[in-house]
Amino acid sequence: MNALPREVLKWLQSLDLSISVKNPKWDFSNGYLVAEILSWYHPKEIKIHCFNNGTSIQSKLLNWNLLETFFKNKNYAIDRDVMEGTIHCKSAAAEVLVEQLYTTLTNRPTYRLTPRSHTFNDLSYQSKLPLHARATASTAIKNNLAKHRIRNRAGHKSSHDKDSTHYIFTPTTQTKPASPGSR
């Protein structure tokens, strides 16, 4: 948690959250702590019982869709890239998110010697590698594509839900062999 500025750390500790923040990258990924922080400032609008403190992608998407709707209604300037990076545990994304929340909710700026980048890719790392060791286009697509945008919108059932049953093949029925006298 040393990546966060001191005033942000003091602010988080003053909120008396139900979960102590040890590793922001993991602790904020499901959106539950973000909802809990917002419930301190907007108790009538954010009901913490509507949020799930789970680690599945479905839990994360449901929580973050509720939060994104809230951010739009309040005109909070929380970047979509930062939310996506936080959901997928990209390094420094959660810290940027917490700093944006701090600035938005307290109307106080954070002081940092070097500004943070809002791009959560590994381009600088990849450029240092030799050509044969760099990621291919298919690897980049696999790592950076938000799978939930393609096949799973929050609130829609996926093929992995228990309630939905999909067969790859049609089960065959057994028939009795014809008796010799039936011909």
C-alpha atoms as a PDB file:
ATOM      1  CA  MET A   1       0.000   0.000   0.000  1.00  0.00           C
ATOM      2  CA  ASN A   2       3.049   2.262  -0.059  1.00  0.00           C
ATOM      3  CA  ALA A   3       2.220   3.361  -3.623  1.00  0.00           C
ATOM      4  CA  LEU A   4      -0.592   5.570  -2.336  1.00  0.00           C
ATOM      5  CA  PRO A   5       0.182   9.089  -1.088  1.00  0.00           C
ATOM      6  CA  ARG A   6       0.187   9.579   2.663  1.00  0.00           C
ATOM      7  CA  GLU A   7      -2.942  11.751   2.749  1.00  0.00           C
ATOM      8  CA  VAL A   8      -4.871   9.075   0.818  1.00  0.00           C
ATOM      9  CA  LEU A   9      -3.703   6.376   3.232  1.00  0.00           C
ATOM     10  CA  LYS A  10      -4.809   8.460   6.210  1.00  0.00           C
ATOM     11  CA  TRP A  11      -8.160   9.069   4.501  1.00  0.00           C
ATOM     12  CA  LEU A  12      -8.719   5.349   3.889  1.00  0.00           C
ATOM     13  CA  GLN A  13      -7.876   4.514   7.488  1.00  0.00           C
ATOM     14  CA  SER A  14     -10.230   7.209   8.781  1.00  0.00           C
ATOM     15  CA  LEU A  15     -13.169   5.615   6.934  1.00  0.00           C
ATOM     16  CA  ASP A  16     -13.029   2.495   9.131  1.00  0.00           C
ATOM     17  CA  LEU A  17     -13.701   0.100   6.270  1.00  0.00           C
ATOM     18  CA  SER A  18     -14.829  -3.469   6.936  1.00  0.00           C
ATOM     19  CA  ILE A  19     -11.766  -4.816   5.112  1.00  0.00           C
ATOM     20  CA  SER A  20      -8.342  -3.321   5.755  1.00  0.00           C
ATOM     21  CA  VAL A  21      -6.547  -2.439   2.544  1.00  0.00           C
ATOM     22  CA  LYS A  22      -3.358  -4.473   2.298  1.00  0.00           C
ATOM     23  CA  ASN A  23      -2.955  -4.911  -1.445  1.00  0.00           C
ATOM     24  CA  PRO A  24      -5.025  -2.342  -3.378  1.00  0.00           C
ATOM     25  CA  LYS A  25      -4.691  -4.240  -6.647  1.00  0.00           C
ATOM     26  CA  TRP A  26      -6.656  -7.180  -5.187  1.00  0.00           C
ATOM     27  CA  ASP A  27      -8.707  -5.455  -2.490  1.00  0.00           C
ATOM     28  CA  PHE A  28     -10.419  -2.991  -4.850  1.00  0.00           C
ATOM     29  CA  SER A  29     -10.850  -5.309  -7.856  1.00  0.00           C
ATOM     30  CA  ASN A  30     -14.394  -6.443  -7.057  1.00  0.00           C
ATOM     31  CA  GLY A  31     -15.695  -2.948  -6.334  1.00  0.00           C
ATOM     32  CA  TYR A  32     -16.969  -3.766  -2.860  1.00  0.00           C
ATOM     33  CA  LEU A  33     -14.559  -1.440  -1.053  1.00  0.00           C
ATOM     34  CA  VAL A  34     -15.286   1.313  -3.565  1.00  0.00           C
ATOM     35  CA  ALA A  35     -18.985   0.915  -2.778  1.00  0.00           C
ATOM     36  CA  GLU A  36     -18.220   0.976   0.932  1.00  0.00           C
ATOM     37  CA  ILE A  37     -16.219   4.205   0.550  1.00  0.00           C
ATOM     38  CA  LEU A  38     -19.039   5.770  -1.467  1.00  0.00           C
ATOM     39  CA  SER A  39     -21.606   4.662   1.120  1.00  0.00           C
ATOM     40  CA  TRP A  40     -19.825   6.856   3.690  1.00  0.00           C
ATOM     41  CA  TYR A  41     -20.398   9.907   1.503  1.00  0.00           C
ATOM     42  CA  HIS A  42     -23.740   8.915  -0.052  1.00  0.00           C
ATOM     43  CA  PRO A  43     -25.508   6.616   2.442  1.00  0.00           C
ATOM     44  CA  LYS A  44     -28.958   7.097   0.893  1.00  0.00           C
ATOM     45  CA  GLU A  45     -27.824   6.309  -2.641  1.00  0.00           C
ATOM     46  CA  ILE A  46     -25.305   3.514  -2.130  1.00  0.00           C
ATOM     47  CA  LYS A  47     -26.724   0.515  -0.296  1.00  0.00           C
ATOM     48  CA  ILE A  48     -23.834  -1.758   0.593  1.00  0.00           C
ATOM     49  CA  HIS A  49     -26.105  -4.817   0.809  1.00  0.00           C
ATOM     50  CA  CYS A  50     -26.586  -4.587  -2.984  1.00  0.00           C
ATOM     51  CA  PHE A  51     -22.903  -5.360  -3.536  1.00  0.00           C
ATOM     52  CA  ASN A  52     -21.233  -8.748  -3.441  1.00  0.00           C
ATOM     53  CA  ASN A  53     -17.809  -9.218  -1.881  1.00  0.00           C
ATOM     54  CA  GLY A  54     -16.938 -12.083  -4.238  1.00  0.00           C
ATOM     55  CA  THR A  55     -13.988 -12.718  -6.484  1.00  0.00           C
ATOM     56  CA  SER A  56     -15.721 -14.134  -9.553  1.00  0.00           C
ATOM     57  CA  ILE A  57     -15.831 -12.071 -12.721  1.00  0.00           C
ATOM     58  CA  GLN A  58     -19.634 -12.100 -12.511  1.00  0.00           C
ATOM     59  CA  SER A  59     -19.547 -10.517  -9.025  1.00  0.00           C
ATOM     60  CA  LYS A  60     -17.035  -7.941 -10.180  1.00  0.00           C
ATOM     61  CA  LEU A  61     -19.071  -7.005 -13.251  1.00  0.00           C
ATOM     62  CA  LEU A  62     -22.321  -6.655 -11.320  1.00  0.00           C
ATOM     63  CA  ASN A  63     -20.654  -4.451  -8.703  1.00  0.00           C
ATOM     64  CA  TRP A  64     -18.825  -2.307 -11.236  1.00  0.00           C
ATOM     65  CA  ASN A  65     -21.922  -1.834 -13.398  1.00  0.00           C
ATOM     66  CA  LEU A  66     -23.755  -0.468 -10.359  1.00  0.00           C
ATOM     67  CA  LEU A  67     -20.797   1.782  -9.564  1.00  0.00           C
ATOM     68  CA  GLU A  68     -20.467   2.989 -13.145  1.00  0.00           C
ATOM     69  CA  THR A  69     -24.149   3.965 -13.173  1.00  0.00           C
ATOM     70  CA  PHE A  70     -23.637   5.853  -9.918  1.00  0.00           C
ATOM     71  CA  PHE A  71     -20.557   7.641 -11.303  1.00  0.00           C
ATOM     72  CA  LYS A  72     -22.488   8.734 -14.392  1.00  0.00           C
ATOM     73  CA  ASN A  73     -25.453   9.972 -12.335  1.00  0.00           C
ATOM     74  CA  LYS A  74     -23.164  12.020 -10.094  1.00  0.00           C
ATOM     75  CA  ASN A  75     -20.913  13.182 -12.966  1.00  0.00           C
ATOM     76  CA  TYR A  76     -17.843  11.809 -11.209  1.00  0.00           C
ATOM     77  CA  ALA A  77     -14.764  11.819 -13.407  1.00  0.00           C
ATOM     78  CA  ILE A  78     -13.667   8.204 -12.960  1.00  0.00           C
ATOM     79  CA  ASP A  79     -12.023   6.913 -16.129  1.00  0.00           C
ATOM     80  CA  ARG A  80     -13.387   3.743 -17.722  1.00  0.00           C
ATOM     81  CA  ASP A  81      -9.808   2.550 -18.352  1.00  0.00           C
ATOM     82  CA  VAL A  82      -9.054   2.859 -14.659  1.00  0.00           C
ATOM     83  CA  MET A  83     -12.148   0.826 -13.767  1.00  0.00           C
ATOM     84  CA  GLU A  84     -11.247  -1.866 -16.327  1.00  0.00           C
ATOM     85  CA  GLY A  85      -7.677  -1.966 -15.048  1.00  0.00           C
ATOM     86  CA  THR A  86      -8.909  -2.313 -11.473  1.00  0.00           C
ATOM     87  CA  ILE A  87     -11.301  -5.132 -12.379  1.00  0.00           C
ATOM     88  CA  HIS A  88      -8.501  -7.045 -14.080  1.00  0.00           C
ATOM     89  CA  CYS A  89      -5.933  -6.283 -11.321  1.00  0.00           C
ATOM     90  CA  LYS A  90      -3.584  -4.307 -13.561  1.00  0.00           C
ATOM     91  CA  SER A  91      -0.682  -2.792 -11.651  1.00  0.00           C
ATOM     92  CA  ALA A  92      -1.276   0.773 -10.404  1.00  0.00           C
ATOM     93  CA  ALA A  93      -4.899   0.872 -11.652  1.00  0.00           C
ATOM     94  CA  ALA A  94      -6.419   0.549  -8.182  1.00  0.00           C
ATOM     95  CA  GLU A  95      -4.091   3.212  -6.811  1.00  0.00           C
ATOM     96  CA  VAL A  96      -5.118   5.630  -9.567  1.00  0.00           C
ATOM     97  CA  LEU A  97      -8.782   4.810  -8.859  1.00  0.00           C
ATOM     98  CA  VAL A  98      -8.406   5.476  -5.131  1.00  0.00           C
ATOM     99  CA  GLU A  99      -6.614   8.755  -5.823  1.00  0.00           C
ATOM    100  CA  GLN A 100      -9.407   9.811  -8.202  1.00  0.00           C
ATOM    101  CA  LEU A 101     -12.006   8.905  -5.575  1.00  0.00           C
ATOM    102  CA  TYR A 102     -10.096  10.836  -2.920  1.00  0.00           C
ATOM    103  CA  THR A 103      -9.890  13.927  -5.115  1.00  0.00           C
ATOM    104  CA  THR A 104     -13.543  13.666  -6.148  1.00  0.00           C
ATOM    105  CA  LEU A 105     -15.014  13.003  -2.706  1.00  0.00           C
ATOM    106  CA  THR A 106     -12.849  15.306  -0.587  1.00  0.00           C
ATOM    107  CA  ASN A 107     -12.196  18.096  -3.121  1.00  0.00           C
ATOM    108  CA  ARG A 108      -8.520  17.927  -2.187  1.00  0.00           C
ATOM    109  CA  PRO A 109      -5.731  17.192  -4.682  1.00  0.00           C
ATOM    110  CA  THR A 110      -3.130  14.508  -4.169  1.00  0.00           C
ATOM    111  CA  TYR A 111       0.490  15.505  -4.321  1.00  0.00           C
ATOM    112  CA  ARG A 112       2.807  13.299  -6.313  1.00  0.00           C
ATOM    113  CA  LEU A 113       6.304  13.943  -7.584  1.00  0.00           C
ATOM    114  CA  THR A 114       5.786  11.961 -10.782  1.00  0.00           C
ATOM    115  CA  PRO A 115       2.380  11.872 -12.453  1.00  0.00           C
ATOM    116  CA  ARG A 116       0.776   8.477 -13.007  1.00  0.00           C
ATOM    117  CA  SER A 117       0.063   7.047 -16.394  1.00  0.00           C
ATOM    118  CA  HIS A 118      -3.474   5.921 -17.164  1.00  0.00           C
ATOM    119  CA  THR A 119      -2.408   3.284 -19.650  1.00  0.00           C
ATOM    120  CA  PHE A 120      -2.320  -0.160 -18.137  1.00  0.00           C
ATOM    121  CA  ASN A 121      -0.462  -2.081 -20.801  1.00  0.00           C
ATOM    122  CA  ASP A 122       3.050  -3.475 -20.905  1.00  0.00           C
ATOM    123  CA  LEU A 123       4.284  -1.591 -23.962  1.00  0.00           C
ATOM    124  CA  SER A 124       7.388  -0.210 -22.248  1.00  0.00           C
ATOM    125  CA  TYR A 125       8.316  -3.690 -21.034  1.00  0.00           C
ATOM    126  CA  GLN A 126       7.673  -5.280 -24.429  1.00  0.00           C
ATOM    127  CA  SER A 127       9.839  -2.717 -26.228  1.00  0.00           C
ATOM    128  CA  LYS A 128      12.840  -3.739 -24.094  1.00  0.00           C
ATOM    129  CA  LEU A 129      12.543  -7.409 -25.067  1.00  0.00           C
ATOM    130  CA  PRO A 130      14.193  -8.923 -28.141  1.00  0.00           C
ATOM    131  CA  LEU A 131      11.865  -9.436 -31.093  1.00  0.00           C
ATOM    132  CA  HIS A 132      11.500 -13.191 -30.656  1.00  0.00           C
ATOM    133  CA  ALA A 133      10.413 -12.804 -27.013  1.00  0.00           C
ATOM    134  CA  ARG A 134       7.764 -10.129 -27.531  1.00  0.00           C
ATOM    135  CA  ALA A 135       4.091 -10.857 -27.258  1.00  0.00           C
ATOM    136  CA  THR A 136       2.272 -11.618 -30.468  1.00  0.00           C
ATOM    137  CA  ALA A 137      -0.931  -9.928 -31.569  1.00  0.00           C
ATOM    138  CA  SER A 138      -3.009 -12.897 -30.447  1.00  0.00           C
ATOM    139  CA  THR A 139      -1.413 -12.789 -26.988  1.00  0.00           C
ATOM    140  CA  ALA A 140      -2.074  -9.066 -26.724  1.00  0.00           C
ATOM    141  CA  ILE A 141      -5.699  -9.562 -27.731  1.00  0.00           C
ATOM    142  CA  LYS A 142      -6.122 -12.376 -25.239  1.00  0.00           C
ATOM    143  CA  ASN A 143      -4.567 -10.370 -22.395  1.00  0.00           C
ATOM    144  CA  ASN A 144      -6.192  -7.014 -23.091  1.00  0.00           C
ATOM    145  CA  LEU A 145      -9.600  -7.863 -24.472  1.00  0.00           C
ATOM    146  CA  ALA A 146     -12.366  -7.617 -21.950  1.00  0.00           C
ATOM    147  CA  LYS A 147     -14.040 -10.984 -22.467  1.00  0.00           C
ATOM    148  CA  HIS A 148     -17.164  -9.879 -20.684  1.00  0.00           C
ATOM    149  CA  ARG A 149     -17.806  -7.272 -23.383  1.00  0.00           C
ATOM    150  CA  ILE A 150     -18.142  -9.988 -25.984  1.00  0.00           C
ATOM    151  CA  ARG A 151     -20.047 -12.807 -24.368  1.00  0.00           C
ATOM    152  CA  ASN A 152     -21.277 -11.769 -21.001  1.00  0.00           C
ATOM    153  CA  ARG A 153     -23.045  -8.579 -20.066  1.00  0.00           C
ATOM    154  CA  ALA A 154     -23.897  -8.215 -16.395  1.00  0.00           C
ATOM    155  CA  GLY A 155     -27.390  -9.503 -15.796  1.00  0.00           C
ATOM    156  CA  HIS A 156     -27.299 -11.916 -18.762  1.00  0.00           C
ATOM    157  CA  LYS A 157     -26.765 -15.584 -18.182  1.00  0.00           C
ATOM    158  CA  SER A 158     -23.646 -17.132 -19.571  1.00  0.00           C
ATOM    159  CA  SER A 159     -23.217 -20.674 -20.754  1.00  0.00           C
ATOM    160  CA  HIS A 160     -21.516 -21.436 -17.437  1.00  0.00           C
ATOM    161  CA  ASP A 161     -24.537 -20.608 -15.277  1.00  0.00           C
ATOM    162  CA  LYS A 162     -26.144 -23.491 -13.448  1.00  0.00           C
ATOM    163  CA  ASP A 163     -29.626 -22.547 -14.637  1.00  0.00           C
ATOM    164  CA  SER A 164     -28.847 -22.725 -18.334  1.00  0.00           C
ATOM    165  CA  THR A 165     -28.249 -26.094 -19.944  1.00  0.00           C
ATOM    166  CA  HIS A 166     -26.690 -26.346 -23.373  1.00  0.00           C
ATOM    167  CA  TYR A 167     -26.078 -29.575 -25.243  1.00  0.00           C
ATOM    168  CA  ILE A 168     -23.310 -29.866 -27.774  1.00  0.00           C
ATOM    169  CA  PHE A 169     -24.965 -32.890 -29.256  1.00  0.00           C
ATOM    170  CA  THR A 170     -28.491 -34.254 -29.212  1.00  0.00           C
ATOM    171  CA  PRO A 171     -28.769 -37.301 -26.981  1.00  0.00           C
ATOM    172  CA  THR A 172     -29.775 -40.401 -28.906  1.00  0.00           C
ATOM    173  CA  THR A 173     -32.614 -42.566 -27.759  1.00  0.00           C
ATOM    174  CA  GLN A 174     -32.300 -46.282 -27.556  1.00  0.00           C
ATOM    175  CA  THR A 175     -34.719 -48.266 -29.656  1.00  0.00           C
ATOM    176  CA  LYS A 176     -35.642 -51.880 -29.178  1.00  0.00           C
ATOM    177  CA  PRO A 177     -34.403 -54.189 -31.874  1.00  0.00           C
ATOM    178  CA  ALA A 178     -37.152 -55.254 -34.192  1.00  0.00           C
ATOM    179  CA  SER A 179     -38.639 -58.634 -33.368  1.00  0.00           C
ATOM    180  CA  PRO A 180     -38.261 -61.310 -36.035  1.00  0.00           C
ATOM    181  CA  GLY A 181     -41.975 -61.624 -36.589  1.00  0.00           C
ATOM    182  CA  SER A 182     -42.645 -57.911 -37.096  1.00  0.00           C
ATOM    183  CA  ARG A 183     -41.280 -57.780 -40.644  1.00  0.00           C
END
